[in-house]
């Protein structure tokens, strides 16, 4: 009995010591890969935000991506903000906190970009702002991006990253799918190139609309690409689905994606595709 109590006491001391050690570790030093779930020190991750264990691209902010993607960028529509149309409790406060951390108004960054001598309109959805969900401001910014491109006869590149429609804005969120698709159609009727890059995760209403409207559809390695989540699919179909069903590589093998591209190659490939796909006058 005494031996058991002694072991118990030693165990409690170790737990307390571990907790004390953990409390001394500064916050923000560790991150977990969404694909392989490996806990990583941020110092292990390269400049492109790739997991050193499985090679998947970590979920990064739009401004982080912008640093290595283009040579020049002029931002659009920085003054747009949601008015909380459904008066959803605590919604504005939560959104403002995330926007402040991302240095962004809502879940997409839009503007005029340049790589070398190639000019195009660029949109980057931001998974750090309510998981890149599609709200009214998100939809308005992307719609204006295409309208400006149509007016100035420019190609559009859109990086998608989204959990789908934003529940805090209900039907007003869902209608953005059609609004953006209309702008894409008008852009396409002018013979202008639209190129999408699917990043992790691209799901829900974004997958069901403008993410798959591109003339060329690229994706990053191991990105989740799908409509419904795994749990919803399995509960509906009453069966287990393969672990890799929604991996970009699986989607590519079924002809839904044109090419998988690593982040380090994206800049050069985008410039090449835009030059080939013109016009760019």
C-alpha atoms as a PDB file:
ATOM      1  CA  UNK A   1       0.000   0.000   0.000  1.00  0.00           C
ATOM      2  CA  UNK A   2       2.784   2.393   0.957  1.00  0.00           C
ATOM      3  CA  UNK A   3       4.664   1.497  -2.222  1.00  0.00           C
ATOM      4  CA  UNK A   4       1.549   2.282  -4.296  1.00  0.00           C
ATOM      5  CA  UNK A   5       1.078   5.630  -2.530  1.00  0.00           C
ATOM      6  CA  UNK A   6       4.755   6.458  -3.103  1.00  0.00           C
ATOM      7  CA  UNK A   7       4.491   5.698  -6.842  1.00  0.00           C
ATOM      8  CA  UNK A   8       1.317   7.747  -7.016  1.00  0.00           C
ATOM      9  CA  UNK A   9       3.044  10.694  -5.364  1.00  0.00           C
ATOM     10  CA  UNK A  10       5.993  10.464  -7.782  1.00  0.00           C
ATOM     11  CA  UNK A  11       3.591  10.388 -10.732  1.00  0.00           C
ATOM     12  CA  UNK A  12       1.773  13.478  -9.470  1.00  0.00           C
ATOM     13  CA  UNK A  13       5.105  15.278  -9.063  1.00  0.00           C
ATOM     14  CA  UNK A  14       6.113  14.433 -12.619  1.00  0.00           C
ATOM     15  CA  UNK A  15       2.769  15.712 -13.953  1.00  0.00           C
ATOM     16  CA  UNK A  16       3.181  18.950 -12.019  1.00  0.00           C
ATOM     17  CA  UNK A  17       6.748  19.304 -13.261  1.00  0.00           C
ATOM     18  CA  UNK A  18       5.637  18.730 -16.877  1.00  0.00           C
ATOM     19  CA  UNK A  19       2.883  21.318 -16.529  1.00  0.00           C
ATOM     20  CA  UNK A  20       5.337  23.799 -15.030  1.00  0.00           C
ATOM     21  CA  UNK A  21       7.745  23.196 -17.925  1.00  0.00           C
ATOM     22  CA  UNK A  22       4.961  23.604 -20.491  1.00  0.00           C
ATOM     23  CA  UNK A  23       3.902  26.892 -18.927  1.00  0.00           C
ATOM     24  CA  UNK A  24       7.393  28.282 -19.547  1.00  0.00           C
ATOM     25  CA  UNK A  25       7.250  27.531 -23.297  1.00  0.00           C
ATOM     26  CA  UNK A  26       6.188  30.685 -25.195  1.00  0.00           C
ATOM     27  CA  UNK A  27       2.986  30.444 -27.207  1.00  0.00           C
ATOM     28  CA  UNK A  28       3.097  30.226 -31.005  1.00  0.00           C
ATOM     29  CA  UNK A  29       6.182  27.980 -31.240  1.00  0.00           C
ATOM     30  CA  UNK A  30       4.276  24.870 -32.296  1.00  0.00           C
ATOM     31  CA  UNK A  31       1.804  24.034 -35.046  1.00  0.00           C
ATOM     32  CA  UNK A  32       0.012  20.814 -36.041  1.00  0.00           C
ATOM     33  CA  UNK A  33      -0.111  19.707 -39.665  1.00  0.00           C
ATOM     34  CA  UNK A  34      -3.775  19.347 -40.751  1.00  0.00           C
ATOM     35  CA  UNK A  35      -2.856  16.415 -43.012  1.00  0.00           C
ATOM     36  CA  UNK A  36      -0.514  14.108 -41.048  1.00  0.00           C
ATOM     37  CA  UNK A  37      -1.366  15.676 -37.662  1.00  0.00           C
ATOM     38  CA  UNK A  38       2.318  15.815 -36.728  1.00  0.00           C
ATOM     39  CA  UNK A  39       3.161  18.408 -34.063  1.00  0.00           C
ATOM     40  CA  UNK A  40       5.891  20.626 -35.500  1.00  0.00           C
ATOM     41  CA  UNK A  41       8.084  23.426 -34.262  1.00  0.00           C
ATOM     42  CA  UNK A  42       7.483  26.467 -36.461  1.00  0.00           C
ATOM     43  CA  UNK A  43      11.232  26.617 -37.075  1.00  0.00           C
ATOM     44  CA  UNK A  44      10.948  23.285 -38.942  1.00  0.00           C
ATOM     45  CA  UNK A  45       8.589  24.737 -41.553  1.00  0.00           C
ATOM     46  CA  UNK A  46      10.119  26.252 -44.691  1.00  0.00           C
ATOM     47  CA  UNK A  47       9.420  29.691 -46.182  1.00  0.00           C
ATOM     48  CA  UNK A  48       6.548  28.243 -48.232  1.00  0.00           C
ATOM     49  CA  UNK A  49       4.779  26.808 -45.182  1.00  0.00           C
ATOM     50  CA  UNK A  50       5.245  23.140 -46.117  1.00  0.00           C
ATOM     51  CA  UNK A  51       5.107  20.313 -43.589  1.00  0.00           C
ATOM     52  CA  UNK A  52       8.569  18.652 -43.429  1.00  0.00           C
ATOM     53  CA  UNK A  53       6.946  15.327 -42.527  1.00  0.00           C
ATOM     54  CA  UNK A  54       4.363  14.804 -45.304  1.00  0.00           C
ATOM     55  CA  UNK A  55       4.974  17.720 -47.691  1.00  0.00           C
ATOM     56  CA  UNK A  56       1.459  19.140 -47.367  1.00  0.00           C
ATOM     57  CA  UNK A  57       1.068  22.897 -47.462  1.00  0.00           C
ATOM     58  CA  UNK A  58       0.142  24.293 -44.060  1.00  0.00           C
ATOM     59  CA  UNK A  59      -2.866  26.597 -43.850  1.00  0.00           C
ATOM     60  CA  UNK A  60      -1.352  30.064 -44.169  1.00  0.00           C
ATOM     61  CA  UNK A  61      -2.790  33.565 -44.331  1.00  0.00           C
ATOM     62  CA  UNK A  62      -3.288  35.386 -47.616  1.00  0.00           C
ATOM     63  CA  UNK A  63      -0.557  37.887 -46.804  1.00  0.00           C
ATOM     64  CA  UNK A  64       1.919  35.117 -45.979  1.00  0.00           C
ATOM     65  CA  UNK A  65       1.273  33.598 -49.406  1.00  0.00           C
ATOM     66  CA  UNK A  66       1.573  36.953 -51.128  1.00  0.00           C
ATOM     67  CA  UNK A  67       5.185  37.389 -49.910  1.00  0.00           C
ATOM     68  CA  UNK A  68       6.588  34.723 -52.249  1.00  0.00           C
ATOM     69  CA  UNK A  69       3.899  34.564 -54.925  1.00  0.00           C
ATOM     70  CA  UNK A  70       4.142  37.877 -56.825  1.00  0.00           C
ATOM     71  CA  UNK A  71       6.541  40.741 -57.507  1.00  0.00           C
ATOM     72  CA  UNK A  72       4.036  43.567 -57.059  1.00  0.00           C
ATOM     73  CA  UNK A  73       0.496  43.906 -55.694  1.00  0.00           C
ATOM     74  CA  UNK A  74      -2.079  46.706 -55.391  1.00  0.00           C
ATOM     75  CA  UNK A  75      -4.971  45.804 -53.088  1.00  0.00           C
ATOM     76  CA  UNK A  76      -8.678  46.336 -53.906  1.00  0.00           C
ATOM     77  CA  UNK A  77     -11.697  47.053 -51.685  1.00  0.00           C
ATOM     78  CA  UNK A  78     -10.046  47.419 -48.294  1.00  0.00           C
ATOM     79  CA  UNK A  79     -12.990  49.426 -46.935  1.00  0.00           C
ATOM     80  CA  UNK A  80     -15.688  46.716 -47.206  1.00  0.00           C
ATOM     81  CA  UNK A  81     -17.011  45.244 -43.938  1.00  0.00           C
ATOM     82  CA  UNK A  82     -20.028  43.095 -43.062  1.00  0.00           C
ATOM     83  CA  UNK A  83     -23.011  44.736 -41.346  1.00  0.00           C
ATOM     84  CA  UNK A  84     -24.031  41.428 -39.691  1.00  0.00           C
ATOM     85  CA  UNK A  85     -27.254  41.111 -41.745  1.00  0.00           C
ATOM     86  CA  UNK A  86     -28.763  38.369 -39.545  1.00  0.00           C
ATOM     87  CA  UNK A  87     -27.672  40.005 -36.268  1.00  0.00           C
ATOM     88  CA  UNK A  88     -25.811  36.827 -35.332  1.00  0.00           C
ATOM     89  CA  UNK A  89     -24.608  37.007 -31.690  1.00  0.00           C
ATOM     90  CA  UNK A  90     -20.891  37.857 -31.197  1.00  0.00           C
ATOM     91  CA  UNK A  91     -20.289  37.474 -34.950  1.00  0.00           C
ATOM     92  CA  UNK A  92     -18.800  40.908 -35.602  1.00  0.00           C
ATOM     93  CA  UNK A  93     -16.501  40.716 -32.587  1.00  0.00           C
ATOM     94  CA  UNK A  94     -15.198  37.280 -33.619  1.00  0.00           C
ATOM     95  CA  UNK A  95     -14.697  38.373 -37.217  1.00  0.00           C
ATOM     96  CA  UNK A  96     -12.899  41.594 -36.249  1.00  0.00           C
ATOM     97  CA  UNK A  97     -10.476  39.653 -34.034  1.00  0.00           C
ATOM     98  CA  UNK A  98      -9.558  37.301 -36.892  1.00  0.00           C
ATOM     99  CA  UNK A  99      -9.328  40.131 -39.420  1.00  0.00           C
ATOM    100  CA  UNK A 100      -6.969  42.039 -37.159  1.00  0.00           C
ATOM    101  CA  UNK A 101      -4.674  39.007 -36.859  1.00  0.00           C
ATOM    102  CA  UNK A 102      -4.723  38.461 -40.641  1.00  0.00           C
ATOM    103  CA  UNK A 103      -4.406  42.198 -41.493  1.00  0.00           C
ATOM    104  CA  UNK A 104      -7.361  41.781 -43.816  1.00  0.00           C
ATOM    105  CA  UNK A 105     -11.019  42.787 -44.185  1.00  0.00           C
ATOM    106  CA  UNK A 106     -12.953  39.524 -44.415  1.00  0.00           C
ATOM    107  CA  UNK A 107     -11.773  36.172 -45.784  1.00  0.00           C
ATOM    108  CA  UNK A 108     -10.259  37.092 -49.159  1.00  0.00           C
ATOM    109  CA  UNK A 109      -7.469  39.355 -50.373  1.00  0.00           C
ATOM    110  CA  UNK A 110      -7.999  40.834 -53.845  1.00  0.00           C
ATOM    111  CA  UNK A 111      -6.002  43.140 -56.084  1.00  0.00           C
ATOM    112  CA  UNK A 112      -3.886  43.750 -59.186  1.00  0.00           C
ATOM    113  CA  UNK A 113      -0.735  41.602 -59.266  1.00  0.00           C
ATOM    114  CA  UNK A 114       2.401  41.356 -61.340  1.00  0.00           C
ATOM    115  CA  UNK A 115       4.967  38.591 -61.923  1.00  0.00           C
ATOM    116  CA  UNK A 116       7.755  39.887 -64.136  1.00  0.00           C
ATOM    117  CA  UNK A 117       6.032  41.478 -67.137  1.00  0.00           C
ATOM    118  CA  UNK A 118       2.751  39.589 -66.568  1.00  0.00           C
ATOM    119  CA  UNK A 119      -0.171  41.534 -65.067  1.00  0.00           C
ATOM    120  CA  UNK A 120      -3.351  39.910 -63.750  1.00  0.00           C
ATOM    121  CA  UNK A 121      -6.050  40.203 -61.092  1.00  0.00           C
ATOM    122  CA  UNK A 122      -5.395  38.031 -58.050  1.00  0.00           C
ATOM    123  CA  UNK A 123      -7.619  36.731 -55.266  1.00  0.00           C
ATOM    124  CA  UNK A 124      -6.369  34.726 -52.274  1.00  0.00           C
ATOM    125  CA  UNK A 125      -8.880  33.251 -49.854  1.00  0.00           C
ATOM    126  CA  UNK A 126      -7.668  33.215 -46.252  1.00  0.00           C
ATOM    127  CA  UNK A 127      -8.343  30.114 -44.101  1.00  0.00           C
ATOM    128  CA  UNK A 128      -7.322  31.986 -40.936  1.00  0.00           C
ATOM    129  CA  UNK A 129     -10.448  34.184 -41.160  1.00  0.00           C
ATOM    130  CA  UNK A 130     -13.444  31.986 -40.227  1.00  0.00           C
ATOM    131  CA  UNK A 131     -11.859  29.170 -42.270  1.00  0.00           C
ATOM    132  CA  UNK A 132     -12.132  31.204 -45.469  1.00  0.00           C
ATOM    133  CA  UNK A 133     -15.913  30.884 -45.359  1.00  0.00           C
ATOM    134  CA  UNK A 134     -17.946  32.630 -48.045  1.00  0.00           C
ATOM    135  CA  UNK A 135     -19.779  35.657 -46.653  1.00  0.00           C
ATOM    136  CA  UNK A 136     -21.330  38.685 -48.321  1.00  0.00           C
ATOM    137  CA  UNK A 137     -18.119  40.725 -48.256  1.00  0.00           C
ATOM    138  CA  UNK A 138     -16.072  37.761 -49.486  1.00  0.00           C
ATOM    139  CA  UNK A 139     -18.483  37.327 -52.382  1.00  0.00           C
ATOM    140  CA  UNK A 140     -18.587  41.039 -53.180  1.00  0.00           C
ATOM    141  CA  UNK A 141     -14.789  41.321 -53.270  1.00  0.00           C
ATOM    142  CA  UNK A 142     -14.415  38.320 -55.587  1.00  0.00           C
ATOM    143  CA  UNK A 143     -17.228  39.575 -57.847  1.00  0.00           C
ATOM    144  CA  UNK A 144     -15.597  43.003 -58.117  1.00  0.00           C
ATOM    145  CA  UNK A 145     -12.257  41.285 -58.869  1.00  0.00           C
ATOM    146  CA  UNK A 146     -13.783  39.684 -61.983  1.00  0.00           C
ATOM    147  CA  UNK A 147     -15.686  42.808 -63.000  1.00  0.00           C
ATOM    148  CA  UNK A 148     -12.476  44.840 -62.877  1.00  0.00           C
ATOM    149  CA  UNK A 149     -10.666  42.145 -64.867  1.00  0.00           C
ATOM    150  CA  UNK A 150     -13.403  42.182 -67.510  1.00  0.00           C
ATOM    151  CA  UNK A 151     -13.277  45.951 -67.773  1.00  0.00           C
ATOM    152  CA  UNK A 152      -9.476  45.970 -68.099  1.00  0.00           C
ATOM    153  CA  UNK A 153      -9.219  42.746 -70.148  1.00  0.00           C
ATOM    154  CA  UNK A 154      -7.056  40.926 -67.610  1.00  0.00           C
ATOM    155  CA  UNK A 155      -6.730  37.268 -66.571  1.00  0.00           C
ATOM    156  CA  UNK A 156      -7.789  36.236 -63.052  1.00  0.00           C
ATOM    157  CA  UNK A 157      -5.975  33.873 -60.671  1.00  0.00           C
ATOM    158  CA  UNK A 158      -7.902  32.769 -57.592  1.00  0.00           C
ATOM    159  CA  UNK A 159      -6.476  30.730 -54.709  1.00  0.00           C
ATOM    160  CA  UNK A 160      -9.336  28.982 -52.944  1.00  0.00           C
ATOM    161  CA  UNK A 161      -9.340  27.957 -49.280  1.00  0.00           C
ATOM    162  CA  UNK A 162     -12.728  27.623 -47.648  1.00  0.00           C
ATOM    163  CA  UNK A 163     -14.974  25.596 -45.409  1.00  0.00           C
ATOM    164  CA  UNK A 164     -17.914  26.684 -47.573  1.00  0.00           C
ATOM    165  CA  UNK A 165     -20.804  29.105 -47.062  1.00  0.00           C
ATOM    166  CA  UNK A 166     -20.764  31.189 -43.861  1.00  0.00           C
ATOM    167  CA  UNK A 167     -23.620  30.131 -41.591  1.00  0.00           C
ATOM    168  CA  UNK A 168     -23.652  33.491 -39.777  1.00  0.00           C
ATOM    169  CA  UNK A 169     -24.949  35.097 -42.995  1.00  0.00           C
ATOM    170  CA  UNK A 170     -27.331  32.330 -44.079  1.00  0.00           C
ATOM    171  CA  UNK A 171     -28.994  32.611 -47.488  1.00  0.00           C
ATOM    172  CA  UNK A 172     -27.103  35.855 -48.172  1.00  0.00           C
ATOM    173  CA  UNK A 173     -23.932  33.787 -48.069  1.00  0.00           C
ATOM    174  CA  UNK A 174     -25.317  31.129 -50.423  1.00  0.00           C
ATOM    175  CA  UNK A 175     -26.363  33.672 -53.057  1.00  0.00           C
ATOM    176  CA  UNK A 176     -22.709  34.753 -53.420  1.00  0.00           C
ATOM    177  CA  UNK A 177     -22.037  31.499 -55.266  1.00  0.00           C
ATOM    178  CA  UNK A 178     -24.297  32.505 -58.143  1.00  0.00           C
ATOM    179  CA  UNK A 179     -23.236  36.148 -58.082  1.00  0.00           C
ATOM    180  CA  UNK A 180     -19.570  35.235 -58.484  1.00  0.00           C
ATOM    181  CA  UNK A 181     -20.345  32.618 -61.150  1.00  0.00           C
ATOM    182  CA  UNK A 182     -22.241  35.258 -63.177  1.00  0.00           C
ATOM    183  CA  UNK A 183     -19.210  37.557 -63.072  1.00  0.00           C
ATOM    184  CA  UNK A 184     -16.983  34.648 -64.130  1.00  0.00           C
ATOM    185  CA  UNK A 185     -19.300  33.885 -67.073  1.00  0.00           C
ATOM    186  CA  UNK A 186     -19.136  37.488 -68.303  1.00  0.00           C
ATOM    187  CA  UNK A 187     -15.337  37.422 -67.946  1.00  0.00           C
ATOM    188  CA  UNK A 188     -15.179  34.154 -69.912  1.00  0.00           C
ATOM    189  CA  UNK A 189     -17.404  35.536 -72.711  1.00  0.00           C
ATOM    190  CA  UNK A 190     -14.670  38.095 -73.364  1.00  0.00           C
ATOM    191  CA  UNK A 191     -12.200  35.281 -74.013  1.00  0.00           C
ATOM    192  CA  UNK A 192     -10.248  35.984 -70.818  1.00  0.00           C
ATOM    193  CA  UNK A 193      -8.377  33.381 -68.773  1.00  0.00           C
ATOM    194  CA  UNK A 194      -9.504  32.288 -65.309  1.00  0.00           C
ATOM    195  CA  UNK A 195      -7.128  30.053 -63.375  1.00  0.00           C
ATOM    196  CA  UNK A 196      -7.843  28.510 -59.958  1.00  0.00           C
ATOM    197  CA  UNK A 197      -5.444  27.018 -57.416  1.00  0.00           C
ATOM    198  CA  UNK A 198      -7.168  24.771 -54.877  1.00  0.00           C
ATOM    199  CA  UNK A 199      -5.524  24.864 -51.458  1.00  0.00           C
ATOM    200  CA  UNK A 200      -6.345  23.125 -48.191  1.00  0.00           C
ATOM    201  CA  UNK A 201      -9.275  23.039 -47.611  1.00  0.00           C
ATOM    202  CA  UNK A 202     -11.471  23.761 -50.637  1.00  0.00           C
ATOM    203  CA  UNK A 203     -14.914  22.471 -49.694  1.00  0.00           C
ATOM    204  CA  UNK A 204     -18.647  23.180 -49.591  1.00  0.00           C
ATOM    205  CA  UNK A 205     -20.275  25.845 -51.707  1.00  0.00           C
ATOM    206  CA  UNK A 206     -16.930  27.189 -52.936  1.00  0.00           C
ATOM    207  CA  UNK A 207     -16.154  23.792 -54.511  1.00  0.00           C
ATOM    208  CA  UNK A 208     -19.701  23.623 -55.870  1.00  0.00           C
ATOM    209  CA  UNK A 209     -19.331  26.943 -57.699  1.00  0.00           C
ATOM    210  CA  UNK A 210     -16.453  29.244 -58.601  1.00  0.00           C
ATOM    211  CA  UNK A 211     -13.539  27.011 -57.504  1.00  0.00           C
ATOM    212  CA  UNK A 212     -14.409  24.605 -60.315  1.00  0.00           C
ATOM    213  CA  UNK A 213     -15.254  27.237 -62.929  1.00  0.00           C
ATOM    214  CA  UNK A 214     -11.613  27.830 -63.868  1.00  0.00           C
ATOM    215  CA  UNK A 215     -10.302  27.290 -67.402  1.00  0.00           C
ATOM    216  CA  UNK A 216      -7.294  25.669 -65.726  1.00  0.00           C
ATOM    217  CA  UNK A 217      -7.602  24.093 -62.278  1.00  0.00           C
ATOM    218  CA  UNK A 218      -4.449  23.500 -60.238  1.00  0.00           C
ATOM    219  CA  UNK A 219      -4.151  22.175 -56.696  1.00  0.00           C
ATOM    220  CA  UNK A 220      -1.502  21.970 -53.995  1.00  0.00           C
ATOM    221  CA  UNK A 221      -0.205  18.564 -52.823  1.00  0.00           C
ATOM    222  CA  UNK A 222      -2.490  16.733 -50.373  1.00  0.00           C
ATOM    223  CA  UNK A 223      -5.038  19.574 -50.280  1.00  0.00           C
ATOM    224  CA  UNK A 224      -8.520  18.550 -49.170  1.00  0.00           C
ATOM    225  CA  UNK A 225     -10.908  19.052 -52.094  1.00  0.00           C
ATOM    226  CA  UNK A 226     -14.543  18.046 -51.764  1.00  0.00           C
ATOM    227  CA  UNK A 227     -18.089  19.113 -51.067  1.00  0.00           C
ATOM    228  CA  UNK A 228     -19.434  17.471 -47.904  1.00  0.00           C
ATOM    229  CA  UNK A 229     -17.268  16.479 -44.961  1.00  0.00           C
ATOM    230  CA  UNK A 230     -16.201  12.920 -44.239  1.00  0.00           C
ATOM    231  CA  UNK A 231     -18.648  12.485 -41.346  1.00  0.00           C
ATOM    232  CA  UNK A 232     -21.613  13.711 -43.397  1.00  0.00           C
ATOM    233  CA  UNK A 233     -20.747  11.393 -46.309  1.00  0.00           C
ATOM    234  CA  UNK A 234     -20.336   8.345 -44.094  1.00  0.00           C
ATOM    235  CA  UNK A 235     -23.547   9.007 -42.173  1.00  0.00           C
ATOM    236  CA  UNK A 236     -25.488   9.522 -45.393  1.00  0.00           C
ATOM    237  CA  UNK A 237     -24.053   6.511 -47.235  1.00  0.00           C
ATOM    238  CA  UNK A 238     -23.820   4.291 -44.122  1.00  0.00           C
ATOM    239  CA  UNK A 239     -20.339   3.190 -45.112  1.00  0.00           C
ATOM    240  CA  UNK A 240     -16.726   4.117 -44.489  1.00  0.00           C
ATOM    241  CA  UNK A 241     -14.986   6.049 -47.266  1.00  0.00           C
ATOM    242  CA  UNK A 242     -11.297   5.758 -48.212  1.00  0.00           C
ATOM    243  CA  UNK A 243      -8.936   7.911 -46.166  1.00  0.00           C
ATOM    244  CA  UNK A 244      -7.599   9.626 -49.300  1.00  0.00           C
ATOM    245  CA  UNK A 245     -10.982  10.142 -51.016  1.00  0.00           C
ATOM    246  CA  UNK A 246     -10.792  13.950 -50.814  1.00  0.00           C
ATOM    247  CA  UNK A 247      -7.051  14.326 -51.374  1.00  0.00           C
ATOM    248  CA  UNK A 248      -6.152  16.493 -54.369  1.00  0.00           C
ATOM    249  CA  UNK A 249      -4.227  13.545 -55.839  1.00  0.00           C
ATOM    250  CA  UNK A 250      -7.356  11.363 -55.827  1.00  0.00           C
ATOM    251  CA  UNK A 251      -9.433  14.152 -57.344  1.00  0.00           C
ATOM    252  CA  UNK A 252      -6.739  14.601 -60.029  1.00  0.00           C
ATOM    253  CA  UNK A 253      -6.885  10.888 -60.904  1.00  0.00           C
ATOM    254  CA  UNK A 254     -10.612  11.289 -61.635  1.00  0.00           C
ATOM    255  CA  UNK A 255     -10.038  14.209 -64.012  1.00  0.00           C
ATOM    256  CA  UNK A 256     -11.400  16.982 -61.809  1.00  0.00           C
ATOM    257  CA  UNK A 257      -8.031  18.772 -61.506  1.00  0.00           C
ATOM    258  CA  UNK A 258      -5.516  19.522 -64.262  1.00  0.00           C
ATOM    259  CA  UNK A 259      -2.262  19.454 -62.292  1.00  0.00           C
ATOM    260  CA  UNK A 260      -0.790  19.257 -58.778  1.00  0.00           C
ATOM    261  CA  UNK A 261       1.775  22.010 -58.203  1.00  0.00           C
ATOM    262  CA  UNK A 262       4.117  22.610 -55.272  1.00  0.00           C
ATOM    263  CA  UNK A 263       4.204  26.075 -53.761  1.00  0.00           C
ATOM    264  CA  UNK A 264       7.812  26.704 -54.790  1.00  0.00           C
ATOM    265  CA  UNK A 265       6.779  26.222 -58.442  1.00  0.00           C
ATOM    266  CA  UNK A 266       3.557  28.231 -58.411  1.00  0.00           C
ATOM    267  CA  UNK A 267       4.993  31.649 -59.260  1.00  0.00           C
ATOM    268  CA  UNK A 268       6.823  30.497 -62.387  1.00  0.00           C
ATOM    269  CA  UNK A 269       3.969  28.263 -63.541  1.00  0.00           C
ATOM    270  CA  UNK A 270       1.330  30.973 -63.141  1.00  0.00           C
ATOM    271  CA  UNK A 271       3.380  33.422 -65.196  1.00  0.00           C
ATOM    272  CA  UNK A 272       3.870  30.799 -67.924  1.00  0.00           C
ATOM    273  CA  UNK A 273       0.192  29.815 -68.071  1.00  0.00           C
ATOM    274  CA  UNK A 274      -0.990  33.413 -68.183  1.00  0.00           C
ATOM    275  CA  UNK A 275       1.401  34.217 -71.035  1.00  0.00           C
ATOM    276  CA  UNK A 276       0.186  31.201 -72.993  1.00  0.00           C
ATOM    277  CA  UNK A 277      -3.480  31.733 -72.120  1.00  0.00           C
ATOM    278  CA  UNK A 278      -3.562  35.535 -72.796  1.00  0.00           C
ATOM    279  CA  UNK A 279      -4.722  38.021 -73.792  1.00  0.00           C
ATOM    280  CA  UNK A 280      -2.739  40.259 -71.472  1.00  0.00           C
ATOM    281  CA  UNK A 281      -2.703  43.708 -73.108  1.00  0.00           C
END
